Amino acid sequence: MAQIDRVRWHCRRGLLELDVVLMRFLDQHFEALSMQERIVLDRLLDYADNDLWNFLTGKQVPPDPDIARIISLFD
């Protein structure tokens, strides 16, 4: 439980739209992620808001294929 709380806190962003998308993803997918995927999600959350938003909206391709795979899980 502490892990998801930490990730939830990390999902709090400056862009409201990003908050909504990230929280929905956590609610729908976090429990099913492997430990490796959770590590990649942490790396994804290290990106700046604008880069992260561009990845999620398809305006920019993530440079890391593991991050691209996590992005593909977002609906």
PDB file of N, CA and C in Angstrom:
ATOM      1  N   MET A   1       0.818  -1.201   0.000  1.00  0.00           N
ATOM      2  CA  MET A   1       0.000   0.000   0.000  1.00  0.00           C
ATOM      3  C   MET A   1       0.857   1.258   0.000  1.00  0.00           C
ATOM      4  N   ALA A   2       1.973   1.213   0.701  1.00  0.00           N
ATOM      5  CA  ALA A   2       2.851   2.388   0.753  1.00  0.00           C
ATOM      6  C   ALA A   2       3.409   2.721  -0.621  1.00  0.00           C
ATOM      7  N   GLN A   3       3.661   1.691  -1.433  1.00  0.00           N
ATOM      8  CA  GLN A   3       4.212   1.939  -2.764  1.00  0.00           C
ATOM      9  C   GLN A   3       3.225   2.717  -3.630  1.00  0.00           C
ATOM     10  N   ILE A   4       1.971   2.327  -3.635  1.00  0.00           N
ATOM     11  CA  ILE A   4       1.005   3.044  -4.466  1.00  0.00           C
ATOM     12  C   ILE A   4       0.782   4.458  -3.937  1.00  0.00           C
ATOM     13  N   ASP A   5       0.853   4.646  -2.642  1.00  0.00           N
ATOM     14  CA  ASP A   5       0.716   5.992  -2.085  1.00  0.00           C
ATOM     15  C   ASP A   5       1.863   6.892  -2.550  1.00  0.00           C
ATOM     16  N   ARG A   6       3.063   6.334  -2.568  1.00  0.00           N
ATOM     17  CA  ARG A   6       4.224   7.095  -3.039  1.00  0.00           C
ATOM     18  C   ARG A   6       4.065   7.444  -4.524  1.00  0.00           C
ATOM     19  N   VAL A   7       3.623   6.486  -5.314  1.00  0.00           N
ATOM     20  CA  VAL A   7       3.433   6.729  -6.751  1.00  0.00           C
ATOM     21  C   VAL A   7       2.310   7.745  -6.965  1.00  0.00           C
ATOM     22  N   ARG A   8       1.233   7.625  -6.208  1.00  0.00           N
ATOM     23  CA  ARG A   8       0.149   8.604  -6.305  1.00  0.00           C
ATOM     24  C   ARG A   8       0.653  10.016  -6.038  1.00  0.00           C
ATOM     25  N   TRP A   9       1.476  10.159  -5.025  1.00  0.00           N
ATOM     26  CA  TRP A   9       2.028  11.472  -4.696  1.00  0.00           C
ATOM     27  C   TRP A   9       2.875  11.986  -5.854  1.00  0.00           C
ATOM     28  N   HIS A  10       3.648  11.090  -6.467  1.00  0.00           N
ATOM     29  CA  HIS A  10       4.510  11.454  -7.595  1.00  0.00           C
ATOM     30  C   HIS A  10       3.678  11.823  -8.833  1.00  0.00           C
ATOM     31  N   CYS A  11       2.454  11.342  -8.899  1.00  0.00           N
ATOM     32  CA  CYS A  11       1.566  11.636 -10.027  1.00  0.00           C
ATOM     33  C   CYS A  11       0.919  13.019  -9.920  1.00  0.00           C
ATOM     34  N   ARG A  12       1.030  13.658  -8.790  1.00  0.00           N
ATOM     35  CA  ARG A  12       0.468  15.003  -8.633  1.00  0.00           C
ATOM     36  C   ARG A  12       1.322  15.963  -9.446  1.00  0.00           C
ATOM     37  N   ARG A  13       0.708  16.556 -10.453  1.00  0.00           N
ATOM     38  CA  ARG A  13       1.457  17.378 -11.397  1.00  0.00           C
ATOM     39  C   ARG A  13       0.885  18.786 -11.454  1.00  0.00           C
ATOM     40  N   GLY A  14       1.549  19.641 -12.207  1.00  0.00           N
ATOM     41  CA  GLY A  14       1.096  21.004 -12.402  1.00  0.00           C
ATOM     42  C   GLY A  14      -0.047  21.109 -13.399  1.00  0.00           C
ATOM     43  N   LEU A  15      -0.188  20.131 -14.261  1.00  0.00           N
ATOM     44  CA  LEU A  15      -1.265  20.130 -15.248  1.00  0.00           C
ATOM     45  C   LEU A  15      -2.410  19.253 -14.755  1.00  0.00           C
ATOM     46  N   LEU A  16      -3.576  19.834 -14.598  1.00  0.00           N
ATOM     47  CA  LEU A  16      -4.730  19.088 -14.115  1.00  0.00           C
ATOM     48  C   LEU A  16      -5.034  17.897 -15.024  1.00  0.00           C
ATOM     49  N   GLU A  17      -4.927  18.088 -16.332  1.00  0.00           N
ATOM     50  CA  GLU A  17      -5.207  17.005 -17.277  1.00  0.00           C
ATOM     51  C   GLU A  17      -4.281  15.818 -17.027  1.00  0.00           C
ATOM     52  N   LEU A  18      -3.046  16.112 -16.721  1.00  0.00           N
ATOM     53  CA  LEU A  18      -2.071  15.065 -16.448  1.00  0.00           C
ATOM     54  C   LEU A  18      -2.416  14.331 -15.157  1.00  0.00           C
ATOM     55  N   ASP A  19      -2.822  15.070 -14.140  1.00  0.00           N
ATOM     56  CA  ASP A  19      -3.271  14.447 -12.884  1.00  0.00           C
ATOM     57  C   ASP A  19      -4.389  13.444 -13.150  1.00  0.00           C
ATOM     58  N   VAL A  20      -5.366  13.860 -13.923  1.00  0.00           N
ATOM     59  CA  VAL A  20      -6.529  13.010 -14.198  1.00  0.00           C
ATOM     60  C   VAL A  20      -6.107  11.742 -14.934  1.00  0.00           C
ATOM     61  N   VAL A  21      -5.307  11.883 -15.970  1.00  0.00           N
ATOM     62  CA  VAL A  21      -4.876  10.732 -16.768  1.00  0.00           C
ATOM     63  C   VAL A  21      -4.034   9.777 -15.917  1.00  0.00           C
ATOM     64  N   LEU A  22      -3.101  10.318 -15.159  1.00  0.00           N
ATOM     65  CA  LEU A  22      -2.222   9.472 -14.354  1.00  0.00           C
ATOM     66  C   LEU A  22      -2.986   8.751 -13.248  1.00  0.00           C
ATOM     67  N   MET A  23      -3.890   9.446 -12.576  1.00  0.00           N
ATOM     68  CA  MET A  23      -4.661   8.813 -11.494  1.00  0.00           C
ATOM     69  C   MET A  23      -5.576   7.724 -12.049  1.00  0.00           C
ATOM     70  N   ARG A  24      -6.179   7.959 -13.204  1.00  0.00           N
ATOM     71  CA  ARG A  24      -7.028   6.945 -13.826  1.00  0.00           C
ATOM     72  C   ARG A  24      -6.190   5.711 -14.174  1.00  0.00           C
ATOM     73  N   PHE A  25      -4.980   5.938 -14.703  1.00  0.00           N
ATOM     74  CA  PHE A  25      -4.094   4.829 -15.028  1.00  0.00           C
ATOM     75  C   PHE A  25      -3.760   4.023 -13.771  1.00  0.00           C
ATOM     76  N   LEU A  26      -3.413   4.709 -12.704  1.00  0.00           N
ATOM     77  CA  LEU A  26      -3.090   3.995 -11.460  1.00  0.00           C
ATOM     78  C   LEU A  26      -4.265   3.167 -10.981  1.00  0.00           C
ATOM     79  N   ASP A  27      -5.447   3.757 -10.991  1.00  0.00           N
ATOM     80  CA  ASP A  27      -6.636   3.043 -10.522  1.00  0.00           C
ATOM     81  C   ASP A  27      -6.923   1.803 -11.368  1.00  0.00           C
ATOM     82  N   GLN A  28      -6.677   1.891 -12.662  1.00  0.00           N
ATOM     83  CA  GLN A  28      -7.030   0.800 -13.566  1.00  0.00           C
ATOM     84  C   GLN A  28      -5.913  -0.239 -13.750  1.00  0.00           C
ATOM     85  N   HIS A  29      -4.651   0.164 -13.602  1.00  0.00           N
ATOM     86  CA  HIS A  29      -3.562  -0.724 -14.021  1.00  0.00           C
ATOM     87  C   HIS A  29      -2.485  -1.012 -12.985  1.00  0.00           C
ATOM     88  N   PHE A  30      -2.362  -0.198 -11.952  1.00  0.00           N
ATOM     89  CA  PHE A  30      -1.195  -0.321 -11.076  1.00  0.00           C
ATOM     90  C   PHE A  30      -1.043  -1.721 -10.486  1.00  0.00           C
ATOM     91  N   GLU A  31      -2.108  -2.278  -9.972  1.00  0.00           N
ATOM     92  CA  GLU A  31      -2.030  -3.595  -9.318  1.00  0.00           C
ATOM     93  C   GLU A  31      -1.556  -4.689 -10.266  1.00  0.00           C
ATOM     94  N   ALA A  32      -1.832  -4.544 -11.551  1.00  0.00           N
ATOM     95  CA  ALA A  32      -1.455  -5.569 -12.525  1.00  0.00           C
ATOM     96  C   ALA A  32      -0.030  -5.397 -13.058  1.00  0.00           C
ATOM     97  N   LEU A  33       0.611  -4.278 -12.757  1.00  0.00           N
ATOM     98  CA  LEU A  33       1.965  -4.048 -13.252  1.00  0.00           C
ATOM     99  C   LEU A  33       2.970  -4.933 -12.524  1.00  0.00           C
ATOM    100  N   SER A  34       3.917  -5.431 -13.274  1.00  0.00           N
ATOM    101  CA  SER A  34       5.020  -6.187 -12.665  1.00  0.00           C
ATOM    102  C   SER A  34       5.938  -5.206 -11.937  1.00  0.00           C
ATOM    103  N   MET A  35       6.848  -5.743 -11.132  1.00  0.00           N
ATOM    104  CA  MET A  35       7.793  -4.877 -10.426  1.00  0.00           C
ATOM    105  C   MET A  35       8.632  -4.089 -11.427  1.00  0.00           C
ATOM    106  N   GLN A  36       9.051  -4.731 -12.512  1.00  0.00           N
ATOM    107  CA  GLN A  36       9.841  -4.045 -13.546  1.00  0.00           C
ATOM    108  C   GLN A  36       9.022  -2.916 -14.180  1.00  0.00           C
ATOM    109  N   GLU A  37       7.756  -3.164 -14.462  1.00  0.00           N
ATOM    110  CA  GLU A  37       6.912  -2.119 -15.047  1.00  0.00           C
ATOM    111  C   GLU A  37       6.713  -0.968 -14.069  1.00  0.00           C
ATOM    112  N   ARG A  38       6.646  -1.260 -12.787  1.00  0.00           N
ATOM    113  CA  ARG A  38       6.514  -0.198 -11.784  1.00  0.00           C
ATOM    114  C   ARG A  38       7.775   0.659 -11.727  1.00  0.00           C
ATOM    115  N   ILE A  39       8.918   0.037 -11.921  1.00  0.00           N
ATOM    116  CA  ILE A  39      10.180   0.788 -11.967  1.00  0.00           C
ATOM    117  C   ILE A  39      10.192   1.708 -13.185  1.00  0.00           C
ATOM    118  N   VAL A  40       9.725   1.191 -14.314  1.00  0.00           N
ATOM    119  CA  VAL A  40       9.665   2.000 -15.539  1.00  0.00           C
ATOM    120  C   VAL A  40       8.658   3.143 -15.354  1.00  0.00           C
ATOM    121  N   LEU A  41       7.538   2.868 -14.702  1.00  0.00           N
ATOM    122  CA  LEU A  41       6.560   3.924 -14.419  1.00  0.00           C
ATOM    123  C   LEU A  41       7.207   5.027 -13.586  1.00  0.00           C
ATOM    124  N   ASP A  42       7.999   4.676 -12.607  1.00  0.00           N
ATOM    125  CA  ASP A  42       8.724   5.678 -11.812  1.00  0.00           C
ATOM    126  C   ASP A  42       9.626   6.529 -12.697  1.00  0.00           C
ATOM    127  N   ARG A  43      10.309   5.887 -13.638  1.00  0.00           N
ATOM    128  CA  ARG A  43      11.175   6.637 -14.565  1.00  0.00           C
ATOM    129  C   ARG A  43      10.344   7.564 -15.436  1.00  0.00           C
ATOM    130  N   LEU A  44       9.189   7.082 -15.874  1.00  0.00           N
ATOM    131  CA  LEU A  44       8.294   7.914 -16.679  1.00  0.00           C
ATOM    132  C   LEU A  44       7.881   9.159 -15.899  1.00  0.00           C
ATOM    133  N   LEU A  45       7.569   8.980 -14.632  1.00  0.00           N
ATOM    134  CA  LEU A  45       7.110  10.099 -13.807  1.00  0.00           C
ATOM    135  C   LEU A  45       8.208  11.109 -13.498  1.00  0.00           C
ATOM    136  N   ASP A  46       9.452  10.764 -13.808  1.00  0.00           N
ATOM    137  CA  ASP A  46      10.554  11.712 -13.623  1.00  0.00           C
ATOM    138  C   ASP A  46      10.611  12.762 -14.732  1.00  0.00           C
ATOM    139  N   TYR A  47       9.901  12.527 -15.825  1.00  0.00           N
ATOM    140  CA  TYR A  47       9.898  13.498 -16.921  1.00  0.00           C
ATOM    141  C   TYR A  47       9.141  14.758 -16.516  1.00  0.00           C
ATOM    142  N   ALA A  48       9.507  15.854 -17.136  1.00  0.00           N
ATOM    143  CA  ALA A  48       8.804  17.123 -16.941  1.00  0.00           C
ATOM    144  C   ALA A  48       7.373  16.989 -17.461  1.00  0.00           C
ATOM    145  N   ASP A  49       6.477  17.781 -16.895  1.00  0.00           N
ATOM    146  CA  ASP A  49       5.060  17.714 -17.262  1.00  0.00           C
ATOM    147  C   ASP A  49       4.832  17.823 -18.764  1.00  0.00           C
ATOM    148  N   ASN A  50       5.476  18.780 -19.414  1.00  0.00           N
ATOM    149  CA  ASN A  50       5.239  18.967 -20.854  1.00  0.00           C
ATOM    150  C   ASN A  50       5.689  17.767 -21.666  1.00  0.00           C
ATOM    151  N   ASP A  51       6.837  17.193 -21.325  1.00  0.00           N
ATOM    152  CA  ASP A  51       7.303  15.995 -22.031  1.00  0.00           C
ATOM    153  C   ASP A  51       6.350  14.830 -21.788  1.00  0.00           C
ATOM    154  N   LEU A  52       5.960  14.661 -20.538  1.00  0.00           N
ATOM    155  CA  LEU A  52       5.053  13.574 -20.185  1.00  0.00           C
ATOM    156  C   LEU A  52       3.731  13.720 -20.932  1.00  0.00           C
ATOM    157  N   TRP A  53       3.186  14.917 -20.971  1.00  0.00           N
ATOM    158  CA  TRP A  53       1.938  15.158 -21.685  1.00  0.00           C
ATOM    159  C   TRP A  53       2.099  14.864 -23.177  1.00  0.00           C
ATOM    160  N   ASN A  54       3.233  15.281 -23.743  1.00  0.00           N
ATOM    161  CA  ASN A  54       3.480  15.014 -25.164  1.00  0.00           C
ATOM    162  C   ASN A  54       3.586  13.519 -25.444  1.00  0.00           C
ATOM    163  N   PHE A  55       4.173  12.749 -24.540  1.00  0.00           N
ATOM    164  CA  PHE A  55       4.222  11.293 -24.696  1.00  0.00           C
ATOM    165  C   PHE A  55       2.811  10.708 -24.680  1.00  0.00           C
ATOM    166  N   LEU A  56       2.030  11.142 -23.702  1.00  0.00           N
ATOM    167  CA  LEU A  56       0.692  10.566 -23.508  1.00  0.00           C
ATOM    168  C   LEU A  56      -0.280  10.948 -24.626  1.00  0.00           C
ATOM    169  N   THR A  57      -0.061  12.085 -25.249  1.00  0.00           N
ATOM    170  CA  THR A  57      -0.946  12.516 -26.332  1.00  0.00           C
ATOM    171  C   THR A  57      -0.411  12.139 -27.709  1.00  0.00           C
ATOM    172  N   GLY A  58       0.753  11.482 -27.755  1.00  0.00           N
ATOM    173  CA  GLY A  58       1.315  11.032 -29.023  1.00  0.00           C
ATOM    174  C   GLY A  58       2.027  12.109 -29.813  1.00  0.00           C
ATOM    175  N   LYS A  59       2.262  13.264 -29.219  1.00  0.00           N
ATOM    176  CA  LYS A  59       2.959  14.349 -29.916  1.00  0.00           C
ATOM    177  C   LYS A  59       4.466  14.132 -29.955  1.00  0.00           C
ATOM    178  N   GLN A  60       4.938  13.281 -29.054  1.00  0.00           N
ATOM    179  CA  GLN A  60       6.370  12.997 -28.955  1.00  0.00           C
ATOM    180  C   GLN A  60       6.527  11.516 -28.629  1.00  0.00           C
ATOM    181  N   VAL A  61       7.537  10.887 -29.200  1.00  0.00           N
ATOM    182  CA  VAL A  61       7.810   9.476 -28.938  1.00  0.00           C
ATOM    183  C   VAL A  61       8.840   9.395 -27.808  1.00  0.00           C
ATOM    184  N   PRO A  62       8.561   8.615 -26.780  1.00  0.00           N
ATOM    185  CA  PRO A  62       9.541   8.472 -25.698  1.00  0.00           C
ATOM    186  C   PRO A  62      10.840   7.862 -26.226  1.00  0.00           C
ATOM    187  N   PRO A  63      11.987   8.347 -25.751  1.00  0.00           N
ATOM    188  CA  PRO A  63      13.269   7.826 -26.237  1.00  0.00           C
ATOM    189  C   PRO A  63      13.571   6.413 -25.744  1.00  0.00           C
ATOM    190  N   ASP A  64      12.904   5.983 -24.709  1.00  0.00           N
ATOM    191  CA  ASP A  64      13.150   4.675 -24.097  1.00  0.00           C
ATOM    192  C   ASP A  64      12.019   3.722 -24.481  1.00  0.00           C
ATOM    193  N   PRO A  65      12.329   2.576 -25.099  1.00  0.00           N
ATOM    194  CA  PRO A  65      11.271   1.637 -25.507  1.00  0.00           C
ATOM    195  C   PRO A  65      10.475   1.067 -24.326  1.00  0.00           C
ATOM    196  N   ASP A  66      11.085   0.956 -23.162  1.00  0.00           N
ATOM    197  CA  ASP A  66      10.342   0.483 -21.987  1.00  0.00           C
ATOM    198  C   ASP A  66       9.288   1.506 -21.568  1.00  0.00           C
ATOM    199  N   ILE A  67       9.644   2.769 -21.649  1.00  0.00           N
ATOM    200  CA  ILE A  67       8.677   3.823 -21.326  1.00  0.00           C
ATOM    201  C   ILE A  67       7.580   3.856 -22.381  1.00  0.00           C
ATOM    202  N   ALA A  68       7.937   3.672 -23.638  1.00  0.00           N
ATOM    203  CA  ALA A  68       6.933   3.633 -24.702  1.00  0.00           C
ATOM    204  C   ALA A  68       5.937   2.504 -24.453  1.00  0.00           C
ATOM    205  N   ARG A  69       6.421   1.389 -23.945  1.00  0.00           N
ATOM    206  CA  ARG A  69       5.528   0.261 -23.650  1.00  0.00           C
ATOM    207  C   ARG A  69       4.548   0.608 -22.528  1.00  0.00           C
ATOM    208  N   ILE A  70       5.022   1.280 -21.495  1.00  0.00           N
ATOM    209  CA  ILE A  70       4.123   1.715 -20.409  1.00  0.00           C
ATOM    210  C   ILE A  70       3.113   2.719 -20.953  1.00  0.00           C
ATOM    211  N   ILE A  71       3.570   3.643 -21.786  1.00  0.00           N
ATOM    212  CA  ILE A  71       2.662   4.631 -22.386  1.00  0.00           C
ATOM    213  C   ILE A  71       1.562   3.923 -23.164  1.00  0.00           C
ATOM    214  N   SER A  72       1.890   2.815 -23.812  1.00  0.00           N
ATOM    215  CA  SER A  72       0.894   2.095 -24.620  1.00  0.00           C
ATOM    216  C   SER A  72      -0.224   1.512 -23.745  1.00  0.00           C
ATOM    217  N   LEU A  73       0.000   1.386 -22.453  1.00  0.00           N
ATOM    218  CA  LEU A  73      -1.029   0.872 -21.553  1.00  0.00           C
ATOM    219  C   LEU A  73      -2.084   1.912 -21.173  1.00  0.00           C
ATOM    220  N   PHE A  74      -1.771   3.190 -21.416  1.00  0.00           N
ATOM    221  CA  PHE A  74      -2.741   4.242 -21.103  1.00  0.00           C
ATOM    222  C   PHE A  74      -3.870   4.189 -22.120  1.00  0.00           C
ATOM    223  N   ASP A  75      -5.101   4.330 -21.658  1.00  0.00           N
ATOM    224  CA  ASP A  75      -6.253   4.300 -22.580  1.00  0.00           C
ATOM    225  C   ASP A  75      -6.557   5.674 -23.085  1.00  0.00           C
TER     226      ASP A  75
END
